[in-house]
Every structure is written in C-alpha cells, then in structure tokens.
Amino acid sequence: MRALLAIVILWTSQAAAAPLVLLFPAVGAPGGVILSGRVLKHAPSGGSSTVSRNLRWLTSSNWEGAKVEVRFAGRAATITSGHDGNFQVTMTPGEGKSFEPGLSTAEAHVDGAETGIATVDVIAPAAPFFVISDFDDTLAITNVVKAGGAIEAGLFKDSTTQPVVEGMAPFYGCLKDGKPARPVFALVSGSPVQYTGRVIQFLSRHGFPVFGQYLRDFGPKTLSGYKQPLIRLLLQSISQPVVLVGDDGEKDPEVYAQIRDEFPGRVKAVYIRKAGGTQTDGRFTGMFHFGQPSEAAADAVKKGLAAAACVATAFPEPGGTSSGAAKSDGGTAAKETTK
C-alpha cells in the first residue's frame, strides 16, 4: 500500500507547473478581515481524467517559508508561509476608518508564483445575522454515511458532476434577500483546502450566494475537531447573530450544540438536513431537523429569517400555492425537534 501511494504521488507530481498562491474567499466585518491561504510549490497541471486531476490537487507540494504580500482595500501586510504552506493575516482598515461593506477582492502575491485572488464579503452593520454552513451532504450530495461515499465524491467527482442538494440554493437565497442589509455566508467544511476552486465553481454553477470558505487542512490530525476553532474565529470577528446549517451525516448537530453553549444568545437558529445519520434521542434538541429545504424555508419565515413572498416564489406547490410557507405547522416532517 505504501509503495502504491508513493507511485501515485510521484505520478501526480510529474505534471506540475509554476508555484501558485491559493487565497481563500473570506467574510469579515468593517473593523477587520482575516485572510488565509496556502502557497503551492508546484501548481497541479494537466490530468486526463477527473480522478487524476483531483489526485494532483490533493498531493500538490507546499511551499514553506514563502514571503507572502497580502493586499486588501488599500492595505498591505507581509507574512511568511508555515511548514504546510499556509498563511493567515488580519487586515485592519487603519485608525478611525472602516472597510466598506459588500463584495470586493483581495490579492496574495509571492515572487515567482501565480498571484492568488479571492472575494471578500464584508458584512454591513445593519445585517440581522450571518450564515455558517456545512458543504458535504448539506449543499452537495456526498453520501458520507455510505461506505466509500466520501472517496467516490472526493476523487471521482468534480464541480460539474457532483450532485447538488436540490432546494438548498433557493433556501439560502431567501435567507439572503429582503433584509435591510444582506447577510454574509461562510462555508466551514471538511472538504480539503486544495478543493477551494472546485467548491467555488460548484456554488456558482448551482446559484448559491457567494461564500467565504473555511475548509479543512486535510490530514490525520484534522479528522475531528477542526470545525469548532473556525466557527469560534468567525463568531469572534463578526458581531451579528448566526444561523447554523448542516446535516446529520456526521457531527454537525454535536458541533453546533457545543457552539450554542459556548456563545449564549449568538445562535439565532440551527438547521440540520436529514442525510441518513444517527437519529438518537436528544441529538437535535432545539434544532430544526428537516427532510426538504422547503420545510426549512417555511420555518425560516416563522422565525423572521426569510420573507414569505420569497419562499412562496422559490418553492411553488402544484397549482400555484406556496410550499408550506403559508401552512400553520410547516408540515409534520419539519416540526422542530424538542426531545
């Protein structure tokens, strides 16, 4: 097995191009934005099949000690990449100033490498909340609970072939629209950081809002416990309440319950999609456990997180009526779990 892995790594490294800076999309506040990324010594290149392209990204070599200049909104900072090629820097607007709310871009430059460019979404003070979401089996169908599901999705699928969870993009659209200022969206996921570009393409292809991306630094030390630090960092940098969205396939309910306990009053709602995970008593206490995104959208109307008109348009029922937004209980399957 080790010999096979060595052959795979050698083979995937043969089609390598110039160095590349990956700068991850981010969300932030007018008072500061945390930007992070990774410097690759050899950007993956070529690959005649989906699996070969995915393997090249996953086995790409990192550049330790690279001098990275990060630029955002007229500000600049220099940092050195760590042993895994990663870097992180907090950008501040300067004394007496603030970053303009809305979408803009940041850049990360290393001499001799392709410059990284990423979107930055700064939340407006009037935004009523922001959203933190999982990716696998919440937005994209990965089938993590099935044997081999994660491997198939990770190696044999790409942004064009990985199936989407139908209805989640309209649900997020209704969370975004009709507010005094729109929320920002952050993706905290176990997908590897090397798949940043793939995830961006998937979200755009299926009509999701722009997301900041906080993916997993893939490795044996990040098999668990990797989401909590990222979510804490987001809650510490953005003052608005948060809406948490995930699925029951792995540990989202437990992670979100922990965050809710650690940040009293900050979690406005928790939505958990049914993805075939464990259905033990008490696992979804105080969370909305839903089968269809239309059910979650109807509950969001009740909680004042989405407009009824948006949900009725996004989830029309046969005959032209709304998909549960006007129902008194949101449907039996969508009732909030209070076990």
Protein backbone atom coordinates (compact mmCIF):
# COMPACT_ATOMS: atom_id res chain seq x y z
CA MET A 1 0.00 0.00 0.00
CA ARG A 2 2.83 2.42 0.85
CA ALA A 3 4.57 1.60 -2.42
CA LEU A 4 1.35 2.25 -4.33
CA LEU A 5 0.89 5.58 -2.57
CA ALA A 6 4.47 6.57 -3.43
CA ILE A 7 3.85 5.74 -7.10
CA VAL A 8 0.64 7.79 -7.09
CA ILE A 9 2.39 10.78 -5.51
CA LEU A 10 5.28 10.54 -7.98
CA TRP A 11 2.92 10.22 -10.93
CA THR A 12 0.71 13.11 -9.87
CA SER A 13 3.71 15.37 -9.34
CA GLN A 14 5.08 14.86 -12.82
CA ALA A 15 2.63 17.27 -14.45
CA ALA A 16 3.41 20.27 -12.25
CA ALA A 17 3.51 23.90 -13.27
CA ALA A 18 4.86 27.07 -11.66
CA PRO A 19 4.19 27.93 -8.00
CA LEU A 20 0.71 29.13 -7.10
CA VAL A 21 -0.83 31.09 -4.24
CA LEU A 22 -4.26 29.89 -3.12
CA LEU A 23 -6.10 32.72 -1.37
CA PHE A 24 -9.32 31.56 0.25
CA PRO A 25 -12.55 33.57 -0.07
CA ALA A 26 -13.39 35.26 3.24
CA VAL A 27 -16.05 37.10 5.18
CA GLY A 28 -15.33 39.86 7.64
CA ALA A 29 -16.50 42.99 9.41
CA PRO A 30 -15.89 46.71 8.74
CA GLY A 31 -13.32 46.68 11.55
CA GLY A 32 -11.24 43.79 10.26
CA VAL A 33 -10.94 40.85 7.88
CA ILE A 34 -8.96 37.65 8.44
CA LEU A 35 -7.40 36.39 5.20
CA SER A 36 -5.78 32.99 4.80
CA GLY A 37 -4.39 30.81 2.06
CA ARG A 38 -1.73 28.34 1.01
CA VAL A 39 1.35 28.58 -1.21
CA LEU A 40 1.94 25.62 -3.53
CA LYS A 41 5.45 24.97 -4.85
CA HIS A 42 4.09 23.35 -7.99
CA ALA A 43 0.57 24.14 -9.16
CA PRO A 44 -1.21 20.99 -10.38
CA SER A 45 -1.42 20.84 -14.16
CA GLY A 46 -2.92 18.51 -16.70
CA GLY A 47 -4.75 15.31 -15.93
CA SER A 48 -6.84 13.47 -18.49
CA SER A 49 -9.44 12.26 -16.01
CA THR A 50 -11.31 13.62 -13.02
CA VAL A 51 -9.54 11.28 -10.61
CA SER A 52 -6.08 12.26 -11.88
CA ARG A 53 -6.88 15.97 -11.56
CA ASN A 54 -8.21 15.51 -8.03
CA LEU A 55 -5.17 13.46 -7.02
CA ARG A 56 -2.83 16.11 -8.38
CA TRP A 57 -4.51 18.75 -6.25
CA LEU A 58 -4.53 16.60 -3.13
CA THR A 59 -0.85 15.69 -3.46
CA SER A 60 0.42 19.11 -4.52
CA SER A 61 3.56 20.15 -2.64
CA ASN A 62 3.51 23.10 -0.23
CA TRP A 63 5.98 25.98 -0.09
CA GLU A 64 7.28 26.61 3.39
CA GLY A 65 8.93 29.94 4.12
CA ALA A 66 7.46 31.84 1.18
CA LYS A 67 7.21 35.61 1.69
CA VAL A 68 3.54 36.46 1.03
CA GLU A 69 2.31 40.00 0.48
CA VAL A 70 -1.44 40.28 1.08
CA ARG A 71 -3.32 43.30 -0.24
CA PHE A 72 -6.91 44.33 0.54
CA ALA A 73 -8.79 47.65 0.28
CA GLY A 74 -5.63 49.72 0.00
CA ARG A 75 -3.93 47.96 2.91
CA ALA A 76 -0.98 45.55 2.72
CA ALA A 77 0.69 43.08 5.04
CA THR A 78 3.57 40.63 4.66
CA ILE A 79 3.69 37.19 6.25
CA THR A 80 5.75 34.02 5.86
CA SER A 81 4.06 30.74 4.99
CA GLY A 82 4.31 27.92 7.52
CA HIS A 83 5.51 24.34 7.17
CA ASP A 84 2.32 23.34 5.34
CA GLY A 85 2.40 26.38 3.07
CA ASN A 86 -0.44 28.01 4.99
CA PHE A 87 -0.60 31.66 5.95
CA GLN A 88 -3.09 33.84 7.82
CA VAL A 89 -3.18 37.57 8.46
CA THR A 90 -5.68 40.01 9.97
CA MET A 91 -6.22 43.09 7.82
CA THR A 92 -7.42 46.23 9.62
CA PRO A 93 -8.60 49.46 7.95
CA GLY A 94 -6.48 51.86 9.99
CA GLU A 95 -7.29 54.13 12.90
CA GLY A 96 -10.65 55.87 12.58
CA LYS A 97 -11.51 54.02 9.36
CA SER A 98 -13.58 51.00 8.37
CA PHE A 99 -13.80 48.63 5.44
CA GLU A 100 -16.67 49.25 3.04
CA PRO A 101 -19.45 46.64 3.42
CA GLY A 102 -20.08 44.43 0.41
CA LEU A 103 -18.14 42.29 -2.02
CA SER A 104 -14.61 43.13 -3.08
CA THR A 105 -11.38 41.25 -3.79
CA ALA A 106 -8.07 40.62 -2.07
CA GLU A 107 -4.75 39.50 -3.52
CA ALA A 108 -1.84 37.45 -2.21
CA HIS A 109 1.49 37.69 -4.04
CA VAL A 110 4.69 35.64 -3.84
CA ASP A 111 7.63 36.38 -6.12
CA GLY A 112 7.81 33.74 -8.83
CA ALA A 113 4.28 32.42 -8.16
CA GLU A 114 0.90 33.00 -9.70
CA THR A 115 -0.95 35.60 -7.61
CA GLY A 116 -3.96 34.44 -5.62
CA ILE A 117 -7.18 36.45 -5.91
CA ALA A 118 -10.27 35.87 -3.76
CA THR A 119 -13.58 37.50 -2.92
CA VAL A 120 -14.04 39.19 0.44
CA ASP A 121 -17.55 39.85 1.73
CA VAL A 122 -17.69 42.48 4.48
CA ILE A 123 -20.92 42.40 6.47
CA ALA A 124 -22.87 45.64 6.91
CA PRO A 125 -23.72 46.74 10.46
CA ALA A 126 -27.44 46.59 9.58
CA ALA A 127 -27.33 42.93 8.54
CA PRO A 128 -29.54 41.00 11.02
CA PHE A 129 -27.43 37.81 11.02
CA PHE A 130 -24.86 35.83 9.08
CA VAL A 131 -24.87 32.18 7.99
CA ILE A 132 -22.34 29.40 8.63
CA SER A 133 -22.94 26.30 6.54
CA ASP A 134 -21.52 22.85 6.04
CA PHE A 135 -20.92 21.64 2.46
CA ASP A 136 -20.90 17.84 2.14
CA ASP A 137 -24.43 16.40 2.30
CA THR A 138 -25.74 19.86 3.20
CA LEU A 139 -25.24 21.59 -0.15
CA ALA A 140 -23.62 18.83 -2.22
CA ILE A 141 -24.55 15.15 -2.15
CA THR A 142 -21.52 13.24 -0.89
CA ASN A 143 -23.15 10.25 0.84
CA VAL A 144 -20.60 10.31 3.66
CA VAL A 145 -22.66 7.84 5.71
CA LYS A 146 -22.34 5.20 2.97
CA ALA A 147 -19.24 3.04 2.62
CA GLY A 148 -16.96 4.60 0.03
CA GLY A 149 -19.23 7.61 -0.46
CA ALA A 150 -16.69 10.22 0.58
CA ILE A 151 -13.94 8.62 -1.55
CA GLU A 152 -16.17 8.50 -4.62
CA ALA A 153 -17.20 12.14 -4.20
CA GLY A 154 -13.68 13.32 -3.40
CA LEU A 155 -11.84 11.52 -6.20
CA PHE A 156 -14.33 10.67 -8.93
CA LYS A 157 -16.50 13.81 -8.92
CA ASP A 158 -15.82 17.44 -9.72
CA SER A 159 -17.75 20.72 -9.75
CA THR A 160 -19.77 19.66 -12.79
CA THR A 161 -20.61 16.08 -11.78
CA GLN A 162 -21.14 16.23 -8.02
CA PRO A 163 -24.91 16.29 -7.41
CA VAL A 164 -26.44 19.26 -5.61
CA VAL A 165 -28.98 19.06 -2.79
CA GLU A 166 -31.97 20.39 -4.68
CA GLY A 167 -33.68 23.33 -2.99
CA MET A 168 -30.79 24.47 -0.82
CA ALA A 169 -29.76 27.30 -3.15
CA PRO A 170 -33.30 28.81 -3.11
CA PHE A 171 -33.40 28.41 0.68
CA TYR A 172 -30.14 30.33 1.02
CA GLY A 173 -31.39 32.88 -1.49
CA CYS A 174 -34.36 33.62 0.77
CA LEU A 175 -32.07 33.91 3.79
CA LYS A 176 -30.06 36.47 1.81
CA ASP A 177 -32.77 38.61 0.22
CA GLY A 178 -35.27 41.08 1.67
CA LYS A 179 -33.11 42.34 4.55
CA PRO A 180 -32.09 45.92 5.46
CA ALA A 181 -28.60 44.68 4.61
CA ARG A 182 -27.84 41.22 3.31
CA PRO A 183 -26.18 38.55 5.45
CA VAL A 184 -22.79 37.10 4.56
CA PHE A 185 -22.28 33.36 4.14
CA ALA A 186 -19.35 31.28 5.40
CA LEU A 187 -18.65 27.67 4.46
CA VAL A 188 -17.00 25.64 7.24
CA SER A 189 -16.44 22.20 5.77
CA GLY A 190 -14.37 19.04 5.89
CA SER A 191 -13.58 19.37 2.18
CA PRO A 192 -9.82 19.84 1.73
CA VAL A 193 -8.43 23.33 1.18
CA GLN A 194 -6.99 22.16 -2.15
CA TYR A 195 -10.58 21.97 -3.45
CA THR A 196 -11.23 25.69 -2.96
CA GLY A 197 -11.53 26.33 -6.70
CA ARG A 198 -13.74 23.28 -7.19
CA VAL A 199 -16.10 24.41 -4.43
CA ILE A 200 -16.30 27.95 -5.84
CA GLN A 201 -17.25 26.56 -9.24
CA PHE A 202 -19.85 24.22 -7.73
CA LEU A 203 -21.54 27.01 -5.74
CA SER A 204 -21.62 29.35 -8.74
CA ARG A 205 -22.92 26.62 -11.05
CA HIS A 206 -25.89 25.93 -8.77
CA GLY A 207 -26.83 29.52 -7.92
CA PHE A 208 -25.69 29.74 -4.30
CA PRO A 209 -24.69 33.07 -2.74
CA VAL A 210 -21.02 33.97 -2.55
CA PHE A 211 -19.39 32.15 0.37
CA GLY A 212 -16.29 32.72 2.42
CA GLN A 213 -14.50 29.37 2.56
CA TYR A 214 -13.01 27.79 5.67
CA LEU A 215 -12.09 24.29 4.56
CA ARG A 216 -10.14 21.55 6.28
CA ASP A 217 -6.36 21.42 6.28
CA PHE A 218 -6.55 17.81 5.18
CA GLY A 219 -4.53 15.34 7.23
CA PRO A 220 -4.65 12.75 10.06
CA LYS A 221 -4.61 15.48 12.73
CA THR A 222 -7.81 17.08 11.39
CA LEU A 223 -10.09 14.05 11.34
CA SER A 224 -12.18 15.67 14.09
CA GLY A 225 -12.42 18.92 16.00
CA TYR A 226 -11.49 21.10 13.02
CA LYS A 227 -14.79 22.98 12.71
CA GLN A 228 -15.06 24.46 16.20
CA PRO A 229 -11.93 26.68 16.01
CA LEU A 230 -13.02 28.06 12.64
CA ILE A 231 -16.56 28.80 13.83
CA ARG A 232 -15.25 30.43 17.01
CA LEU A 233 -12.98 32.65 14.94
CA LEU A 234 -15.91 33.75 12.77
CA LEU A 235 -18.12 34.49 15.78
CA GLN A 236 -15.33 36.48 17.40
CA SER A 237 -14.75 38.56 14.27
CA ILE A 238 -18.40 39.19 13.30
CA SER A 239 -20.72 40.56 15.97
CA GLN A 240 -24.09 39.64 14.43
CA PRO A 241 -26.07 36.55 15.47
CA VAL A 242 -25.50 33.44 13.37
CA VAL A 243 -27.68 30.88 11.61
CA LEU A 244 -26.02 27.44 11.50
CA VAL A 245 -26.88 24.95 8.73
CA GLY A 246 -25.58 21.39 8.46
CA ASP A 247 -26.67 17.75 8.22
CA ASP A 248 -26.96 14.70 10.44
CA GLY A 249 -24.48 12.55 8.48
CA GLU A 250 -21.53 13.25 10.76
CA LYS A 251 -21.10 15.59 13.74
CA ASP A 252 -22.80 18.87 12.76
CA PRO A 253 -25.53 18.61 15.45
CA GLU A 254 -22.93 18.00 18.18
CA VAL A 255 -20.60 20.74 16.90
CA TYR A 256 -23.41 23.28 16.64
CA ALA A 257 -24.77 22.37 20.08
CA GLN A 258 -21.29 22.98 21.52
CA ILE A 259 -21.04 26.36 19.78
CA ARG A 260 -24.50 27.33 21.01
CA ASP A 261 -23.43 26.56 24.58
CA GLU A 262 -20.15 28.47 24.20
CA PHE A 263 -21.81 31.57 22.70
CA PRO A 264 -25.08 32.10 24.60
CA GLY A 265 -27.57 34.21 22.66
CA ARG A 266 -25.47 34.31 19.49
CA VAL A 267 -27.07 31.36 17.65
CA LYS A 268 -30.32 32.51 16.08
CA ALA A 269 -31.31 29.14 14.58
CA VAL A 270 -29.86 25.73 13.72
CA TYR A 271 -31.00 23.80 10.64
CA ILE A 272 -29.99 20.15 10.20
CA ARG A 273 -30.72 18.29 6.96
CA LYS A 274 -31.62 14.60 7.13
CA ALA A 275 -28.77 12.79 5.38
CA GLY A 276 -29.12 9.29 6.82
CA GLY A 277 -27.16 9.81 10.02
CA THR A 278 -27.86 8.61 13.55
CA GLN A 279 -31.31 9.55 14.82
CA THR A 280 -30.74 9.26 18.58
CA ASP A 281 -33.00 10.98 21.08
CA GLY A 282 -31.84 14.44 22.06
CA ARG A 283 -29.38 14.82 19.19
CA PHE A 284 -31.42 17.59 17.56
CA THR A 285 -32.75 19.36 20.64
CA GLY A 286 -33.57 22.97 19.80
CA MET A 287 -32.69 22.40 16.14
CA PHE A 288 -34.90 22.21 13.07
CA HIS A 289 -34.38 18.76 11.57
CA PHE A 290 -35.69 18.79 8.00
CA GLY A 291 -36.07 16.47 5.06
CA GLN A 292 -36.80 19.02 2.34
CA PRO A 293 -35.31 22.52 2.05
CA SER A 294 -38.83 23.88 1.56
CA GLU A 295 -39.56 22.81 5.14
CA ALA A 296 -36.54 24.70 6.44
CA ALA A 297 -37.57 27.73 4.38
CA ALA A 298 -41.08 27.66 5.85
CA ASP A 299 -39.60 27.55 9.36
CA ALA A 300 -37.29 30.45 8.48
CA VAL A 301 -40.38 32.52 7.64
CA LYS A 302 -41.80 31.78 11.10
CA LYS A 303 -38.55 32.80 12.75
CA GLY A 304 -38.36 36.05 10.76
CA LEU A 305 -35.26 34.91 8.87
CA ALA A 306 -36.88 34.83 5.42
CA ALA A 307 -39.73 36.64 3.70
CA ALA A 308 -42.89 34.65 2.98
CA ALA A 309 -43.08 36.08 -0.55
CA CYS A 310 -39.56 34.88 -1.35
CA VAL A 311 -40.25 31.38 -0.04
CA ALA A 312 -43.57 31.16 -1.89
CA THR A 313 -41.81 32.07 -5.13
CA ALA A 314 -38.82 29.81 -4.53
CA PHE A 315 -40.88 26.75 -3.55
CA PRO A 316 -44.15 26.83 -5.52
CA GLU A 317 -46.53 23.95 -5.00
CA PRO A 318 -48.51 22.35 -7.83
CA GLY A 319 -51.46 24.57 -8.56
CA GLY A 320 -49.57 27.76 -7.74
CA THR A 321 -49.74 27.75 -3.94
CA SER A 322 -46.69 28.17 -1.73
CA SER A 323 -44.72 25.20 -0.47
CA GLY A 324 -45.54 25.31 3.20
CA ALA A 325 -44.65 28.94 3.97
CA ALA A 326 -48.33 29.63 4.50
CA LYS A 327 -49.02 26.43 6.43
CA SER A 328 -49.52 26.77 10.15
CA ASP A 329 -47.13 23.98 11.16
CA GLY A 330 -44.67 23.77 8.25
CA GLY A 331 -45.54 20.08 7.76
CA THR A 332 -45.22 17.20 10.21
CA ALA A 333 -41.79 16.15 9.00
CA ALA A 334 -40.48 19.66 9.51
CA LYS A 335 -41.52 20.24 13.09
CA GLU A 336 -38.77 21.47 15.38
CA THR A 337 -37.31 18.67 17.47
CA THR A 338 -37.53 19.24 21.19
CA LYS A 339 -36.75 15.80 22.53
